[in-house]
N, C-alpha and C. Protein backbone atom coordinates (compact mmCIF):
# COMPACT_ATOMS: atom_id res chain seq x y z
N MET A 1 -9.80 3.06 -6.75
CA MET A 1 -8.59 3.35 -6.08
C MET A 1 -8.61 3.12 -4.63
N HIS A 2 -7.63 2.82 -4.06
CA HIS A 2 -7.68 2.46 -2.48
C HIS A 2 -6.38 3.10 -1.95
N VAL A 3 -6.57 3.75 -0.91
CA VAL A 3 -5.47 4.26 -0.12
C VAL A 3 -5.13 3.11 1.12
N LEU A 4 -4.14 2.65 1.25
CA LEU A 4 -3.93 1.63 2.27
C LEU A 4 -2.83 2.33 3.37
N LEU A 5 -3.40 2.44 4.54
CA LEU A 5 -2.70 2.87 5.64
C LEU A 5 -2.10 1.74 6.23
N VAL A 6 -0.73 1.80 6.38
CA VAL A 6 0.08 0.73 7.05
C VAL A 6 0.46 1.19 8.34
N ARG A 7 -0.06 0.79 9.52
CA ARG A 7 0.43 1.31 10.75
C ARG A 7 1.03 0.27 11.57
N TYR A 8 2.18 0.62 12.12
CA TYR A 8 2.96 -0.41 12.95
C TYR A 8 2.01 -0.59 14.16
N THR A 9 2.02 -1.89 14.59
CA THR A 9 1.18 -2.19 15.78
C THR A 9 2.00 -1.95 17.20
N ASP A 10 3.36 -1.90 17.09
CA ASP A 10 4.13 -1.59 18.23
C ASP A 10 5.38 -0.74 17.87
N GLY A 11 5.37 0.20 16.98
CA GLY A 11 6.47 0.85 16.64
C GLY A 11 7.22 0.18 15.49
N PRO A 12 8.40 0.99 14.92
CA PRO A 12 9.15 0.45 13.82
C PRO A 12 10.08 -0.68 14.42
N GLU A 13 10.52 -0.62 15.54
CA GLU A 13 11.65 -1.56 16.02
C GLU A 13 11.14 -2.95 15.74
N PRO A 14 10.11 -3.61 16.04
CA PRO A 14 9.66 -4.95 15.87
C PRO A 14 9.49 -5.15 14.36
N ALA A 15 9.28 -4.22 13.55
CA ALA A 15 9.17 -4.39 12.22
C ALA A 15 10.52 -4.48 11.48
N ALA A 16 11.59 -4.00 12.04
CA ALA A 16 12.82 -3.83 11.32
C ALA A 16 13.20 -5.29 10.78
N PRO A 17 13.11 -6.42 11.37
CA PRO A 17 13.63 -7.70 10.84
C PRO A 17 12.74 -7.99 9.44
N HIS A 18 11.71 -7.51 9.33
CA HIS A 18 10.73 -7.94 8.19
C HIS A 18 10.91 -6.82 7.10
N VAL A 19 11.84 -5.92 7.25
CA VAL A 19 11.87 -4.93 6.12
C VAL A 19 12.26 -5.46 4.82
N PRO A 20 13.30 -6.34 4.70
CA PRO A 20 13.66 -6.86 3.40
C PRO A 20 12.56 -7.52 2.66
N GLY A 21 11.76 -8.36 3.42
CA GLY A 21 10.56 -8.99 2.84
C GLY A 21 9.57 -8.03 2.48
N HIS A 22 9.24 -6.99 3.32
CA HIS A 22 8.48 -5.95 3.00
C HIS A 22 8.83 -5.11 1.64
N VAL A 23 9.95 -4.88 1.51
CA VAL A 23 10.53 -4.06 0.38
C VAL A 23 10.31 -5.05 -0.86
N ALA A 24 10.68 -6.39 -0.76
CA ALA A 24 10.44 -7.26 -1.97
C ALA A 24 8.96 -7.22 -2.24
N TYR A 25 8.08 -7.24 -1.36
CA TYR A 25 6.56 -7.40 -1.48
C TYR A 25 6.20 -6.03 -2.25
N LEU A 26 6.66 -4.79 -1.91
CA LEU A 26 6.28 -3.63 -2.36
C LEU A 26 6.82 -3.57 -3.86
N GLU A 27 8.02 -4.08 -4.10
CA GLU A 27 8.41 -4.14 -5.56
C GLU A 27 7.87 -5.10 -6.58
N ARG A 28 7.24 -6.22 -5.80
CA ARG A 28 6.50 -7.13 -6.59
C ARG A 28 5.17 -6.52 -7.05
N TRP A 29 4.46 -5.79 -6.18
CA TRP A 29 3.14 -5.33 -6.36
C TRP A 29 3.16 -3.97 -7.21
N HIS A 30 4.27 -3.18 -7.08
CA HIS A 30 4.58 -2.11 -8.02
C HIS A 30 4.67 -2.65 -9.29
N GLY A 31 5.55 -3.76 -9.56
CA GLY A 31 5.94 -4.28 -10.80
C GLY A 31 4.66 -4.84 -11.47
N GLU A 32 3.68 -5.40 -10.61
CA GLU A 32 2.35 -6.05 -11.13
C GLU A 32 1.35 -4.76 -11.68
N GLY A 33 1.74 -3.68 -11.10
CA GLY A 33 0.84 -2.54 -11.46
C GLY A 33 -0.26 -2.20 -10.45
N THR A 34 -0.30 -2.94 -9.41
CA THR A 34 -1.29 -2.87 -8.37
C THR A 34 -0.99 -1.68 -7.48
N PHE A 35 0.13 -1.48 -7.05
CA PHE A 35 0.61 -0.24 -6.41
C PHE A 35 1.04 0.74 -7.21
N LEU A 36 0.54 2.05 -7.13
CA LEU A 36 1.05 3.12 -7.89
C LEU A 36 1.97 3.87 -7.11
N LEU A 37 1.95 4.02 -5.87
CA LEU A 37 2.71 4.77 -4.89
C LEU A 37 2.93 4.12 -3.53
N SER A 38 3.89 4.22 -2.96
CA SER A 38 4.22 3.73 -1.63
C SER A 38 5.33 4.69 -1.06
N GLY A 39 5.13 4.72 0.39
CA GLY A 39 6.09 5.70 1.18
C GLY A 39 5.88 5.65 2.58
N GLN A 40 6.83 5.90 3.29
CA GLN A 40 6.78 6.04 4.68
C GLN A 40 6.08 7.25 5.17
N THR A 41 5.48 7.27 6.27
CA THR A 41 4.70 8.49 6.88
C THR A 41 5.81 9.30 7.48
N VAL A 42 5.28 10.55 7.87
CA VAL A 42 6.21 11.60 8.36
C VAL A 42 5.48 11.94 9.64
N PRO A 43 5.90 11.54 10.94
CA PRO A 43 7.18 10.79 11.28
C PRO A 43 6.99 9.41 10.89
N ASP A 44 8.17 8.76 10.74
CA ASP A 44 8.17 7.46 10.34
C ASP A 44 7.68 6.48 11.30
N THR A 45 7.52 6.81 12.46
CA THR A 45 6.97 5.95 13.56
C THR A 45 5.60 5.33 13.30
N LEU A 46 4.77 6.12 12.43
CA LEU A 46 3.40 5.73 12.11
C LEU A 46 3.30 4.54 11.30
N GLY A 47 4.17 4.58 10.22
CA GLY A 47 3.98 3.35 9.24
C GLY A 47 4.16 3.84 7.91
N GLY A 48 3.34 3.45 7.02
CA GLY A 48 3.41 3.97 5.55
C GLY A 48 2.06 4.15 4.89
N VAL A 49 2.12 4.31 3.47
CA VAL A 49 0.91 4.66 2.77
C VAL A 49 1.08 3.93 1.50
N ILE A 50 0.07 3.34 0.92
CA ILE A 50 0.19 2.91 -0.31
C ILE A 50 -1.06 3.22 -1.10
N LEU A 51 -0.92 3.63 -2.50
CA LEU A 51 -1.93 3.85 -3.35
C LEU A 51 -2.11 2.76 -4.25
N ALA A 52 -3.22 2.10 -4.13
CA ALA A 52 -3.34 0.81 -4.94
C ALA A 52 -4.65 1.02 -5.94
N VAL A 53 -4.57 0.09 -7.03
CA VAL A 53 -5.70 0.17 -7.88
C VAL A 53 -6.10 -1.42 -8.01
N GLY A 54 -7.32 -1.49 -8.48
CA GLY A 54 -7.87 -2.87 -8.68
C GLY A 54 -9.13 -3.15 -7.90
N ALA A 55 -9.65 -4.25 -7.97
CA ALA A 55 -10.83 -4.54 -7.21
C ALA A 55 -10.32 -4.77 -5.64
N ARG A 56 -11.33 -4.17 -4.92
CA ARG A 56 -11.01 -4.12 -3.38
C ARG A 56 -10.75 -5.60 -2.95
N GLU A 57 -11.27 -6.59 -3.36
CA GLU A 57 -11.09 -7.82 -2.90
C GLU A 57 -9.62 -8.28 -3.18
N HIS A 58 -9.16 -8.01 -4.30
CA HIS A 58 -7.71 -8.27 -4.80
C HIS A 58 -6.83 -7.39 -3.84
N VAL A 59 -6.98 -6.19 -3.58
CA VAL A 59 -6.28 -5.45 -2.71
C VAL A 59 -6.34 -5.91 -1.39
N GLU A 60 -7.24 -6.34 -0.82
CA GLU A 60 -7.41 -6.95 0.52
C GLU A 60 -6.44 -8.19 0.57
N ARG A 61 -6.54 -9.02 -0.49
CA ARG A 61 -5.67 -10.25 -0.57
C ARG A 61 -4.29 -9.80 -0.50
N VAL A 62 -3.89 -8.91 -1.33
CA VAL A 62 -2.35 -8.45 -1.46
C VAL A 62 -2.01 -7.80 -0.15
N ALA A 63 -2.83 -6.95 0.54
CA ALA A 63 -2.48 -6.52 1.83
C ALA A 63 -2.11 -7.43 2.77
N ALA A 64 -2.88 -8.52 2.73
CA ALA A 64 -2.79 -9.76 3.84
C ALA A 64 -1.42 -10.44 3.50
N GLU A 65 -0.88 -10.27 2.38
CA GLU A 65 0.30 -11.11 2.00
C GLU A 65 1.64 -10.21 2.52
N ASP A 66 1.45 -8.90 2.91
CA ASP A 66 2.64 -8.23 3.42
C ASP A 66 3.20 -8.99 4.51
N PRO A 67 4.65 -9.11 4.44
CA PRO A 67 5.21 -9.60 5.59
C PRO A 67 5.11 -8.83 6.91
N PHE A 68 4.95 -7.59 6.89
CA PHE A 68 4.47 -6.96 8.07
C PHE A 68 3.17 -7.38 8.71
N ALA A 69 2.26 -7.54 7.88
CA ALA A 69 0.95 -8.11 8.30
C ALA A 69 0.98 -9.59 8.81
N VAL A 70 1.65 -10.38 7.99
CA VAL A 70 1.90 -11.73 8.40
C VAL A 70 2.52 -11.87 9.68
N ALA A 71 3.45 -11.16 10.09
CA ALA A 71 4.23 -11.22 11.29
C ALA A 71 3.65 -10.42 12.35
N GLY A 72 2.40 -9.57 11.99
CA GLY A 72 1.69 -8.98 13.12
C GLY A 72 2.30 -7.61 13.63
N VAL A 73 3.28 -7.24 12.85
CA VAL A 73 4.05 -5.99 13.25
C VAL A 73 3.28 -4.77 12.66
N ALA A 74 2.45 -4.89 11.78
CA ALA A 74 1.72 -3.72 11.02
C ALA A 74 0.31 -4.30 10.68
N ALA A 75 -0.51 -3.29 10.82
CA ALA A 75 -1.96 -3.55 10.38
C ALA A 75 -2.47 -2.64 9.35
N TYR A 76 -3.28 -3.17 8.43
CA TYR A 76 -3.56 -2.27 7.28
C TYR A 76 -5.21 -1.82 7.47
N GLU A 77 -5.34 -0.47 6.98
CA GLU A 77 -6.59 -0.04 6.95
C GLU A 77 -6.71 0.40 5.57
N ILE A 78 -7.80 -0.15 4.89
CA ILE A 78 -7.96 0.31 3.48
C ILE A 78 -9.20 1.11 3.22
N VAL A 79 -8.86 2.27 2.60
CA VAL A 79 -9.92 3.21 2.36
C VAL A 79 -10.16 3.27 0.75
N THR A 80 -11.29 2.98 0.35
CA THR A 80 -11.65 3.09 -1.10
C THR A 80 -12.11 4.41 -1.40
N VAL A 81 -11.54 4.92 -2.61
CA VAL A 81 -11.93 6.25 -2.94
C VAL A 81 -12.38 6.14 -4.47
N GLU A 82 -13.39 6.87 -4.79
CA GLU A 82 -14.05 7.00 -5.94
C GLU A 82 -13.61 8.54 -6.50
N PRO A 83 -12.61 8.64 -7.30
CA PRO A 83 -12.27 9.90 -7.57
C PRO A 83 -13.27 10.81 -8.25
N GLY A 84 -13.42 11.89 -7.83
CA GLY A 84 -14.35 12.93 -8.40
C GLY A 84 -13.87 13.91 -9.28
N ARG A 85 -12.75 14.61 -8.86
CA ARG A 85 -12.11 15.65 -9.67
C ARG A 85 -10.62 15.32 -9.80
N LEU A 86 -9.91 15.23 -10.95
CA LEU A 86 -8.69 14.99 -11.08
C LEU A 86 -8.05 15.79 -12.12
N ARG A 87 -6.71 16.02 -11.88
CA ARG A 87 -5.89 16.63 -12.98
C ARG A 87 -5.95 15.68 -14.11
N GLY A 88 -5.81 16.23 -15.37
CA GLY A 88 -5.86 15.56 -16.67
C GLY A 88 -5.00 14.38 -16.59
N ASP A 89 -3.62 14.64 -16.27
CA ASP A 89 -2.53 13.83 -16.48
C ASP A 89 -2.81 12.74 -15.31
N LEU A 90 -3.31 12.92 -14.26
CA LEU A 90 -3.50 11.96 -13.26
C LEU A 90 -4.68 11.06 -13.69
N ARG A 91 -5.52 11.61 -14.30
CA ARG A 91 -6.77 10.82 -14.90
C ARG A 91 -6.11 9.71 -15.79
N THR A 92 -5.36 10.24 -16.78
CA THR A 92 -4.82 9.30 -17.75
C THR A 92 -3.99 8.18 -17.05
N LEU A 93 -3.13 8.60 -16.03
CA LEU A 93 -2.42 7.54 -15.39
C LEU A 93 -3.35 6.50 -14.87
N LEU A 94 -4.23 6.92 -14.16
CA LEU A 94 -5.32 6.14 -13.48
C LEU A 94 -5.99 5.13 -14.38
N GLU A 95 -6.31 5.64 -15.45
CA GLU A 95 -7.15 5.04 -16.55
C GLU A 95 -6.22 3.95 -17.22
N GLU A 96 -4.88 4.19 -17.30
CA GLU A 96 -3.87 3.39 -17.81
C GLU A 96 -3.72 2.16 -16.82
N ALA A 97 -3.63 2.54 -15.45
CA ALA A 97 -3.36 1.42 -14.46
C ALA A 97 -4.69 0.58 -14.33
N ALA A 98 -5.75 1.08 -14.60
CA ALA A 98 -7.00 0.25 -14.36
C ALA A 98 -7.03 -0.79 -15.58
N GLY A 99 -6.35 -0.41 -16.67
CA GLY A 99 -6.30 -1.43 -17.81
C GLY A 99 -7.43 -1.11 -18.71
């Protein structure tokens, strides 16, 4: 499992023109099953967070495709997590997502 921290490089204003492409990107990878969760940070001036599953190399390639990253208006930090303790229902969800 991977936590993707998406940080605006110069605030949300320069990213605004790329939002439609970013939303389509999120929808694609949610639909493919790579993204389990995505959302805006609070405050929203920081960027967003994505929870992803799959091989790290795959997740790195997917992150590089984000229109925000391609345009240079956001940068990704990827933190890989090996879950140690989980609620049962979350364990089931993650096992299903892993295939």
